[in-house]
C-alpha atoms as a PDB file:
ATOM      1  CA  MET A   1      86.189 172.424  97.419  1.00  0.00           C
ATOM      2  CA  SER A   2      86.660 175.672  99.313  1.00  0.00           C
ATOM      3  CA  ASP A   3      89.873 175.744 101.966  1.00  0.00           C
ATOM      4  CA  VAL A   4      87.506 178.096 104.420  1.00  0.00           C
ATOM      5  CA  PRO A   5      86.675 175.837 107.599  1.00  0.00           C
ATOM      6  CA  GLY A   6      82.841 175.260 107.173  1.00  0.00           C
ATOM      7  CA  HIS A   7      82.538 175.771 103.474  1.00  0.00           C
ATOM      8  CA  GLY A   8      82.158 173.204 101.073  1.00  0.00           C
ATOM      9  CA  ARG A   9      82.948 170.397 103.219  1.00  0.00           C
ATOM     10  CA  ASN A  10      81.936 168.813 106.518  1.00  0.00           C
ATOM     11  CA  PRO A  11      85.004 168.039 108.650  1.00  0.00           C
ATOM     12  CA  ARG A  12      84.702 165.012 111.136  1.00  0.00           C
ATOM     13  CA  TRP A  13      84.700 166.910 114.417  1.00  0.00           C
ATOM     14  CA  GLN A  14      81.725 168.874 113.444  1.00  0.00           C
ATOM     15  CA  THR A  15      79.657 165.919 112.588  1.00  0.00           C
ATOM     16  CA  VAL A  16      80.619 164.107 115.894  1.00  0.00           C
ATOM     17  CA  ALA A  17      79.770 167.509 117.609  1.00  0.00           C
ATOM     18  CA  LEU A  18      76.302 167.663 115.881  1.00  0.00           C
ATOM     19  CA  SER A  19      75.495 164.335 116.702  1.00  0.00           C
ATOM     20  CA  LEU A  20      75.913 164.540 120.443  1.00  0.00           C
ATOM     21  CA  LEU A  21      74.316 167.540 120.437  1.00  0.00           C
ATOM     22  CA  ALA A  22      71.322 165.746 118.674  1.00  0.00           C
ATOM     23  CA  LEU A  23      71.446 162.808 121.186  1.00  0.00           C
ATOM     24  CA  ALA A  24      71.959 165.424 124.279  1.00  0.00           C
ATOM     25  CA  LEU A  25      68.709 167.249 122.916  1.00  0.00           C
ATOM     26  CA  VAL A  26      66.603 163.699 122.471  1.00  0.00           C
ATOM     27  CA  ALA A  27      67.981 162.467 126.371  1.00  0.00           C
ATOM     28  CA  ALA A  28      66.863 166.090 127.954  1.00  0.00           C
ATOM     29  CA  ALA A  29      63.209 165.651 126.169  1.00  0.00           C
ATOM     30  CA  CYS A  30      63.170 161.691 127.425  1.00  0.00           C
ATOM     31  CA  SER A  31      63.562 162.618 130.601  1.00  0.00           C
ATOM     32  CA  LYS A  32      61.867 165.627 130.827  1.00  0.00           C
ATOM     33  CA  THR A  33      58.729 163.444 129.563  1.00  0.00           C
ATOM     34  CA  THR A  34      59.252 160.495 132.083  1.00  0.00           C
ATOM     35  CA  THR A  35      60.291 162.599 135.333  1.00  0.00           C
ATOM     36  CA  SER A  36      57.099 165.085 135.039  1.00  0.00           C
ATOM     37  CA  SER A  37      54.561 162.238 134.966  1.00  0.00           C
ATOM     38  CA  PRO A  38      52.970 161.641 138.435  1.00  0.00           C
ATOM     39  CA  THR A  39      53.098 157.993 139.921  1.00  0.00           C
ATOM     40  CA  THR A  40      50.484 155.677 139.332  1.00  0.00           C
ATOM     41  CA  PRO A  41      49.660 153.745 142.414  1.00  0.00           C
ATOM     42  CA  LEU A  42      49.898 150.048 142.430  1.00  0.00           C
ATOM     43  CA  THR A  43      47.281 147.766 143.850  1.00  0.00           C
ATOM     44  CA  LYS A  44      47.882 144.079 144.331  1.00  0.00           C
ATOM     45  CA  VAL A  45      44.756 141.948 144.201  1.00  0.00           C
ATOM     46  CA  PHE A  46      44.685 138.072 144.254  1.00  0.00           C
ATOM     47  CA  VAL A  47      42.079 135.496 144.365  1.00  0.00           C
ATOM     48  CA  GLN A  48      42.031 132.797 146.267  1.00  0.00           C
ATOM     49  CA  LYS A  49      38.911 130.367 147.370  1.00  0.00           C
ATOM     50  CA  PHE A  50      37.131 132.055 144.753  1.00  0.00           C
ATOM     51  CA  ARG A  51      37.133 135.420 146.777  1.00  0.00           C
ATOM     52  CA  TYR A  52      39.241 138.475 145.651  1.00  0.00           C
ATOM     53  CA  HIS A  53      41.779 139.775 148.570  1.00  0.00           C
ATOM     54  CA  GLY A  54      43.934 143.032 148.663  1.00  0.00           C
ATOM     55  CA  MET A  55      41.480 145.036 147.252  1.00  0.00           C
ATOM     56  CA  PRO A  56      40.616 148.278 149.488  1.00  0.00           C
ATOM     57  CA  LYS A  57      36.910 149.276 149.812  1.00  0.00           C
ATOM     58  CA  SER A  58      37.533 152.727 148.820  1.00  0.00           C
ATOM     59  CA  ILE A  59      40.082 154.459 146.678  1.00  0.00           C
ATOM     60  CA  SER A  60      40.773 157.640 145.161  1.00  0.00           C
ATOM     61  CA  SER A  61      39.867 159.115 141.604  1.00  0.00           C
ATOM     62  CA  GLY A  62      42.518 158.890 138.932  1.00  0.00           C
ATOM     63  CA  LEU A  63      44.653 156.372 137.525  1.00  0.00           C
ATOM     64  CA  HIS A  64      45.224 153.142 139.325  1.00  0.00           C
ATOM     65  CA  GLN A  65      47.394 150.215 138.093  1.00  0.00           C
ATOM     66  CA  PHE A  66      46.334 146.662 139.003  1.00  0.00           C
ATOM     67  CA  LEU A  67      48.228 143.924 139.890  1.00  0.00           C
ATOM     68  CA  PHE A  68      45.754 140.429 139.614  1.00  0.00           C
ATOM     69  CA  GLU A  69      47.251 137.334 140.919  1.00  0.00           C
ATOM     70  CA  ASN A  70      45.598 134.192 140.734  1.00  0.00           C
ATOM     71  CA  LYS A  71      46.505 132.221 143.803  1.00  0.00           C
ATOM     72  CA  GLU A  72      44.410 129.294 143.797  1.00  0.00           C
ATOM     73  CA  SER A  73      45.784 126.150 145.019  1.00  0.00           C
ATOM     74  CA  PHE A  74      44.296 124.001 142.106  1.00  0.00           C
ATOM     75  CA  PRO A  75      44.028 124.564 138.744  1.00  0.00           C
ATOM     76  CA  ILE A  76      41.076 126.987 137.599  1.00  0.00           C
ATOM     77  CA  THR A  77      40.907 130.051 135.359  1.00  0.00           C
ATOM     78  CA  HIS A  78      39.821 133.509 137.074  1.00  0.00           C
ATOM     79  CA  GLU A  79      39.343 136.747 135.733  1.00  0.00           C
ATOM     80  CA  MET A  80      38.965 140.480 137.428  1.00  0.00           C
ATOM     81  CA  ILE A  81      36.256 142.120 134.969  1.00  0.00           C
ATOM     82  CA  PRO A  82      35.662 145.572 136.052  1.00  0.00           C
ATOM     83  CA  VAL A  83      32.280 147.147 135.887  1.00  0.00           C
ATOM     84  CA  GLU A  84      30.667 150.253 137.054  1.00  0.00           C
ATOM     85  CA  LEU A  85      27.351 149.933 139.082  1.00  0.00           C
ATOM     86  CA  PRO A  86      24.183 152.083 138.280  1.00  0.00           C
ATOM     87  CA  ALA A  87      22.452 153.807 141.220  1.00  0.00           C
ATOM     88  CA  GLY A  88      20.701 151.594 143.294  1.00  0.00           C
ATOM     89  CA  LYS A  89      22.646 148.339 142.231  1.00  0.00           C
ATOM     90  CA  THR A  90      25.173 146.188 144.345  1.00  0.00           C
ATOM     91  CA  ALA A  91      27.516 143.336 144.011  1.00  0.00           C
ATOM     92  CA  GLN A  92      24.892 140.912 145.353  1.00  0.00           C
ATOM     93  CA  ASP A  93      22.945 141.789 141.784  1.00  0.00           C
ATOM     94  CA  ILE A  94      25.899 140.642 139.758  1.00  0.00           C
ATOM     95  CA  THR A  95      25.800 137.360 141.757  1.00  0.00           C
ATOM     96  CA  ALA A  96      21.863 137.174 141.189  1.00  0.00           C
ATOM     97  CA  ASP A  97      22.425 137.841 137.420  1.00  0.00           C
ATOM     98  CA  ALA A  98      24.934 135.317 137.121  1.00  0.00           C
ATOM     99  CA  LYS A  99      22.756 133.133 139.098  1.00  0.00           C
ATOM    100  CA  GLY A 100      19.727 133.489 136.650  1.00  0.00           C
ATOM    101  CA  ALA A 101      18.766 131.595 133.377  1.00  0.00           C
ATOM    102  CA  LYS A 102      21.882 133.851 131.522  1.00  0.00           C
ATOM    103  CA  GLY A 103      24.554 132.328 133.542  1.00  0.00           C
ATOM    104  CA  PRO A 104      27.627 133.878 132.116  1.00  0.00           C
ATOM    105  CA  ASP A 105      25.819 135.880 129.300  1.00  0.00           C
ATOM    106  CA  SER A 106      24.725 138.153 132.547  1.00  0.00           C
ATOM    107  CA  GLU A 107      28.288 139.601 131.965  1.00  0.00           C
ATOM    108  CA  ASP A 108      26.772 141.235 128.998  1.00  0.00           C
ATOM    109  CA  GLU A 109      24.339 143.447 131.243  1.00  0.00           C
ATOM    110  CA  TRP A 110      26.856 145.276 133.050  1.00  0.00           C
ATOM    111  CA  LEU A 111      28.608 148.217 131.844  1.00  0.00           C
ATOM    112  CA  HIS A 112      32.703 147.083 131.565  1.00  0.00           C
ATOM    113  CA  ILE A 113      35.489 149.681 132.560  1.00  0.00           C
ATOM    114  CA  GLY A 114      38.679 149.757 130.863  1.00  0.00           C
ATOM    115  CA  GLY A 115      40.582 146.614 130.480  1.00  0.00           C
ATOM    116  CA  ASP A 116      39.802 143.067 131.634  1.00  0.00           C
ATOM    117  CA  PHE A 117      42.027 141.602 133.932  1.00  0.00           C
ATOM    118  CA  GLY A 118      42.313 137.620 132.787  1.00  0.00           C
ATOM    119  CA  PRO A 119      41.871 134.931 131.950  1.00  0.00           C
ATOM    120  CA  ALA A 120      44.076 133.953 134.476  1.00  0.00           C
ATOM    121  CA  ASP A 121      45.141 130.582 135.296  1.00  0.00           C
ATOM    122  CA  THR A 122      46.371 129.130 138.617  1.00  0.00           C
ATOM    123  CA  ASN A 123      50.278 131.093 139.428  1.00  0.00           C
ATOM    124  CA  ALA A 124      49.608 133.637 136.797  1.00  0.00           C
ATOM    125  CA  SER A 125      48.953 137.204 136.850  1.00  0.00           C
ATOM    126  CA  VAL A 126      47.698 140.039 134.637  1.00  0.00           C
ATOM    127  CA  VAL A 127      48.248 143.964 135.059  1.00  0.00           C
ATOM    128  CA  GLU A 128      46.363 146.532 133.788  1.00  0.00           C
ATOM    129  CA  THR A 129      45.996 150.127 134.116  1.00  0.00           C
ATOM    130  CA  LEU A 130      42.543 151.849 134.754  1.00  0.00           C
ATOM    131  CA  TYR A 131      41.203 155.549 134.907  1.00  0.00           C
ATOM    132  CA  LEU A 132      38.557 155.376 137.247  1.00  0.00           C
ATOM    133  CA  PRO A 133      36.100 158.556 138.053  1.00  0.00           C
ATOM    134  CA  PRO A 134      33.940 159.027 141.241  1.00  0.00           C
ATOM    135  CA  GLY A 135      31.461 155.912 141.366  1.00  0.00           C
ATOM    136  CA  THR A 136      30.504 152.732 142.674  1.00  0.00           C
ATOM    137  CA  TYR A 137      32.210 149.732 140.834  1.00  0.00           C
ATOM    138  CA  ALA A 138      32.688 146.025 141.572  1.00  0.00           C
ATOM    139  CA  PHE A 139      35.290 143.308 139.950  1.00  0.00           C
ATOM    140  CA  ALA A 140      33.373 140.284 139.315  1.00  0.00           C
ATOM    141  CA  CYS A 141      34.448 136.615 137.522  1.00  0.00           C
ATOM    142  CA  TRP A 142      32.319 135.210 134.955  1.00  0.00           C
ATOM    143  CA  GLN A 143      34.436 132.272 134.270  1.00  0.00           C
ATOM    144  CA  THR A 144      33.067 128.899 134.883  1.00  0.00           C
ATOM    145  CA  GLY A 145      34.640 125.850 136.811  1.00  0.00           C
ATOM    146  CA  LYS A 146      35.056 123.581 139.715  1.00  0.00           C
ATOM    147  CA  PRO A 147      37.610 123.451 142.468  1.00  0.00           C
ATOM    148  CA  SER A 148      38.813 120.223 141.093  1.00  0.00           C
ATOM    149  CA  GLY A 149      39.232 121.695 137.392  1.00  0.00           C
ATOM    150  CA  VAL A 150      36.932 119.057 136.565  1.00  0.00           C
ATOM    151  CA  GLY A 151      33.766 119.546 134.614  1.00  0.00           C
ATOM    152  CA  ILE A 152      32.389 123.098 133.804  1.00  0.00           C
ATOM    153  CA  GLY A 153      30.668 124.238 137.174  1.00  0.00           C
ATOM    154  CA  PRO A 154      28.880 127.603 137.718  1.00  0.00           C
ATOM    155  CA  THR A 155      29.442 130.970 136.929  1.00  0.00           C
ATOM    156  CA  HIS A 156      32.106 132.058 139.724  1.00  0.00           C
ATOM    157  CA  ALA A 157      30.046 135.576 139.839  1.00  0.00           C
ATOM    158  CA  SER A 158      26.846 133.440 140.856  1.00  0.00           C
ATOM    159  CA  ILE A 159      28.866 131.696 143.976  1.00  0.00           C
ATOM    160  CA  GLY A 160      30.201 135.273 145.126  1.00  0.00           C
ATOM    161  CA  MET A 161      33.291 135.831 143.402  1.00  0.00           C
ATOM    162  CA  VAL A 162      32.311 139.660 143.260  1.00  0.00           C
ATOM    163  CA  PHE A 163      33.941 142.683 145.145  1.00  0.00           C
ATOM    164  CA  GLN A 164      32.114 146.202 145.503  1.00  0.00           C
ATOM    165  CA  PHE A 165      34.339 149.229 146.151  1.00  0.00           C
ATOM    166  CA  THR A 166      33.842 152.914 145.447  1.00  0.00           C
ATOM    167  CA  VAL A 167      35.914 155.700 144.077  1.00  0.00           C
ATOM    168  CA  ALA A 168      35.745 159.041 146.101  1.00  0.00           C
END
């Protein structure tokens, strides 16, 4: 080994200095990544009495985070499925399809956007993030069940558990 500092051996202070420099670079890179991202708006939507509450009729285009809460006063499962509505279609069309012969299977007739919010049992919640371009959308619940929690019951969309909104 050489007796010239830095040649042939690695003194402890150099190892410590290099480790600290590497940590500082990683920390700086991470902080730049997190501070430069835009804030995603959070919309709190809850269901009570088979209706969605808290969702505005219109939101801006872009990335949105939704907190979906099942606040029913009885045991039942709900969901909040985001679908895009084609031109000329409305929330009433979803309700009519769910009342038809296909019942819960009518869900397959609609274009799903992003993830599904649920299923969520009473007092449970789900968080999802969606990118929504301009258009007309709806949230719908194709779960089945009665307020008593006993028996199968109708598809919730068939009794009006659908909420239409626009994205501008």
